[in-house]
Protein backbone atom coordinates (compact mmCIF):
# COMPACT_ATOMS: atom_id res chain seq x y z
CA MET A 1 66.77 31.18 80.28
CA LYS A 2 65.16 30.21 83.45
CA LYS A 3 67.65 32.10 85.65
CA LEU A 4 67.12 35.06 83.45
CA ASN A 5 63.37 34.86 83.90
CA LYS A 6 63.74 34.49 87.65
CA LEU A 7 66.23 37.39 88.01
CA PHE A 8 63.75 39.66 85.85
CA ALA A 9 60.79 38.53 88.06
CA LEU A 10 62.69 39.23 91.13
CA LEU A 11 63.68 42.67 90.00
CA LEU A 12 60.23 43.46 88.99
CA MET A 13 58.96 42.57 92.55
CA ILE A 14 61.73 44.53 94.19
CA SER A 15 60.87 47.72 91.99
CA MET A 16 57.21 47.36 92.76
CA PHE A 17 57.80 47.25 96.47
CA SER A 18 60.04 50.12 96.38
CA CYS A 19 57.75 52.37 94.52
CA ASN A 20 54.82 51.69 96.66
CA ASN A 21 56.50 52.43 99.99
CA ALA A 22 55.64 55.76 101.47
CA PRO A 23 58.12 57.19 103.95
CA THR A 24 57.00 56.35 107.56
CA GLU A 25 60.02 58.55 109.22
CA THR A 26 61.33 61.76 108.50
CA LYS A 27 64.56 63.32 109.77
CA THR A 28 64.39 66.16 112.41
CA THR A 29 66.68 68.88 113.02
CA ASP A 30 68.63 67.18 115.49
CA ASN A 31 69.13 64.02 113.16
CA THR A 32 66.72 61.79 114.94
CA THR A 33 63.84 60.23 113.27
CA ALA A 34 60.07 61.11 113.79
CA PRO A 35 56.88 59.44 112.30
CA ALA A 36 55.67 61.27 109.03
CA ALA A 37 53.08 63.48 110.20
CA GLY A 38 49.97 64.80 108.78
CA GLY A 39 46.93 63.69 106.74
CA GLN A 40 45.29 65.89 103.90
CA GLU A 41 46.11 68.79 105.49
CA ALA A 42 49.83 68.14 104.91
CA VAL A 43 49.57 67.82 101.45
CA LYS A 44 51.32 70.78 99.51
CA ASP A 45 49.50 71.76 96.41
CA ASP A 46 49.66 75.42 95.27
CA GLU A 47 47.87 74.72 91.98
CA SER A 48 44.47 73.02 92.90
CA GLN A 49 41.64 75.05 94.51
CA LYS A 50 42.13 75.06 98.26
CA ASP A 51 40.18 73.14 100.81
CA ILE A 52 38.33 74.59 103.50
CA VAL A 53 40.99 74.44 106.11
CA LYS A 54 43.75 76.00 103.83
CA ILE A 55 41.25 78.88 103.03
CA ALA A 56 40.65 79.57 106.91
CA VAL A 57 44.40 79.40 107.56
CA GLY A 58 45.02 81.90 104.81
CA SER A 59 42.39 84.19 106.26
CA LYS A 60 43.31 86.91 108.68
CA ASP A 61 39.88 87.39 110.00
CA HIS A 62 39.76 83.58 111.03
CA THR A 63 42.64 82.99 113.10
CA THR A 64 40.52 82.29 116.16
CA LEU A 65 38.55 79.67 114.22
CA VAL A 66 41.66 78.03 113.07
CA ALA A 67 43.23 77.90 116.50
CA ALA A 68 39.97 76.36 117.74
CA LEU A 69 39.91 73.70 115.05
CA LYS A 70 43.59 72.88 116.02
CA GLN A 71 42.86 72.68 119.78
CA ALA A 72 39.62 70.52 118.95
CA GLU A 73 41.59 68.14 116.62
CA LEU A 74 39.39 68.70 113.71
CA VAL A 75 41.77 69.95 111.23
CA THR A 76 42.33 66.60 109.51
CA SER A 77 38.52 65.91 109.33
CA LEU A 78 37.82 69.37 107.53
CA SER A 79 40.77 68.70 105.27
CA ASN A 80 39.01 65.45 103.88
CA ALA A 81 37.02 65.23 100.77
CA GLY A 82 33.83 66.22 102.20
CA PRO A 83 31.60 67.79 100.93
CA PHE A 84 31.22 70.05 103.76
CA THR A 85 29.36 73.58 104.57
CA VAL A 86 31.17 75.46 107.14
CA PHE A 87 29.56 78.37 108.78
CA ALA A 88 32.94 80.20 109.70
CA PRO A 89 32.65 82.71 112.47
CA THR A 90 35.12 85.70 112.23
CA ASN A 91 37.34 86.86 114.84
CA ALA A 92 35.08 89.80 115.54
CA ALA A 93 32.17 87.04 116.04
CA PHE A 94 34.19 85.27 118.68
CA ASP A 95 34.90 88.66 120.32
CA LYS A 96 31.11 89.25 120.84
CA LEU A 97 31.14 86.17 123.23
CA PRO A 98 31.29 87.05 127.08
CA ALA A 99 34.98 87.46 128.21
CA GLY A 100 36.90 84.48 128.82
CA THR A 101 34.58 81.96 126.89
CA VAL A 102 37.08 81.32 123.98
CA ASP A 103 40.01 80.96 126.52
CA GLY A 104 37.92 78.57 128.64
CA LEU A 105 36.90 76.28 125.73
CA MET A 106 40.55 76.35 124.50
CA LYS A 107 41.58 74.32 127.72
CA ASP A 108 42.24 70.53 127.23
CA ASP A 109 39.54 69.64 129.78
CA LYS A 110 36.91 71.39 127.62
CA LYS A 111 37.86 69.84 124.35
CA ALA A 112 34.57 67.86 123.96
CA ASP A 113 32.59 71.18 124.58
CA LEU A 114 34.76 72.84 121.93
CA GLN A 115 34.27 69.89 119.50
CA ASN A 116 30.63 70.01 119.93
CA ILE A 117 30.27 73.81 119.20
CA LEU A 118 32.60 73.77 116.23
CA GLN A 119 30.68 70.60 114.73
CA TYR A 120 27.50 72.65 115.25
CA HIS A 121 29.02 74.99 112.50
CA VAL A 122 29.55 72.03 109.93
CA ALA A 123 27.19 70.40 107.57
CA VAL A 124 28.08 67.19 105.79
CA ALA A 125 26.64 68.33 102.44
CA VAL A 126 27.13 71.63 100.19
CA TYR A 127 24.48 74.27 100.74
CA LYS A 128 25.18 77.10 98.38
CA ALA A 129 23.62 80.51 99.44
CA GLU A 130 21.52 80.94 96.32
CA ASN A 131 19.82 77.61 97.14
CA MET A 132 19.08 78.38 100.78
CA GLN A 133 15.34 78.81 101.70
CA ASP A 134 13.43 80.62 104.39
CA GLY A 135 12.56 78.09 107.09
CA GLN A 136 15.11 75.39 105.87
CA VAL A 137 16.43 73.15 108.43
CA ILE A 138 20.04 71.77 108.20
CA ASN A 139 21.42 68.90 110.20
CA MET A 140 25.02 69.60 111.39
CA ALA A 141 27.78 67.33 112.27
CA ASN A 142 27.12 67.29 115.90
CA GLY A 143 23.71 66.07 115.49
CA ASP A 144 21.58 69.37 116.08
CA ASN A 145 19.84 71.30 113.55
CA ILE A 146 20.13 74.98 112.42
CA THR A 147 17.13 76.91 110.85
CA LEU A 148 17.79 79.34 107.97
CA SER A 149 15.80 82.27 107.47
CA VAL A 150 16.06 84.35 103.98
CA LYS A 151 14.71 87.75 103.76
CA ASP A 152 15.49 90.27 100.76
CA GLY A 153 18.46 88.00 99.84
CA LYS A 154 20.04 88.28 103.23
CA VAL A 155 20.51 84.62 104.90
CA MET A 156 20.37 84.41 108.48
CA VAL A 157 21.22 81.44 110.86
CA ASN A 158 19.14 80.65 113.78
CA GLY A 159 17.51 84.08 113.46
CA THR A 160 20.64 85.80 115.04
CA THR A 161 23.78 85.41 112.76
CA THR A 162 24.15 86.82 109.34
CA VAL A 163 26.02 85.03 106.36
CA VAL A 164 28.19 88.00 105.26
CA ALA A 165 30.26 85.98 102.56
CA SER A 166 30.33 82.61 100.77
CA ILE A 167 33.61 81.05 99.57
CA PRO A 168 33.78 77.91 97.35
CA ALA A 169 36.45 75.30 98.47
CA SER A 170 37.59 72.03 97.01
CA ASN A 171 35.77 70.07 99.48
CA GLY A 172 32.60 72.23 100.01
CA ILE A 173 31.70 75.71 100.82
CA ILE A 174 32.46 78.23 103.47
CA HIS A 175 29.86 80.68 104.62
CA VAL A 176 31.43 83.50 106.70
CA ILE A 177 29.07 84.58 109.52
CA ASP A 178 29.08 87.30 112.07
CA GLY A 179 28.29 85.35 114.93
CA VAL A 180 29.16 82.11 116.82
CA LEU A 181 26.56 79.39 116.77
CA LEU A 182 25.87 77.95 120.03
CA PRO A 183 24.22 74.40 120.05
CA PRO A 184 20.96 73.97 122.05
CA PRO A 185 21.32 72.64 125.60
CA ALA A 186 21.92 68.87 125.76
CA LYS A 187 18.70 66.91 126.02
CA LYS A 188 18.32 65.00 129.42
């Protein structure tokens, strides 16, 4: 009976360890192994509400923003639980910037500048459009603040950019904006 109990305990332990181990490698097309990649952004889920990144990736009007998020290595951060409010400039908003600005920011040596600008579009909380108030100040992920103005139901950010749509996400909300927010100059 003792041998049977030991055998049962051993089988139980083996099954527990084998069930809890996630794959750490995947097979590539050339039959070599590579580490499993991706965080939350790699989770395949076609039934739940999409997170901020998945909504942006699915938008033909936000391809520049998505490319910038990838270059700045912020995709994983914005795929996490949040909650986040993202002021998401459209492609047309990026087109309003001086020629060469976006291309310059997409270079590896400008990654910190790109991250700063993109983090100036993200607040770590959910701010719904219907609750935004004239003169409201919101602290952004880069440490700077934006100021909202509300007139006749129209929300503007920093007096220059208009919120044109709001889209709820599983980890926050996206406010589509018609301009790119530029952080104030660094204090010396």
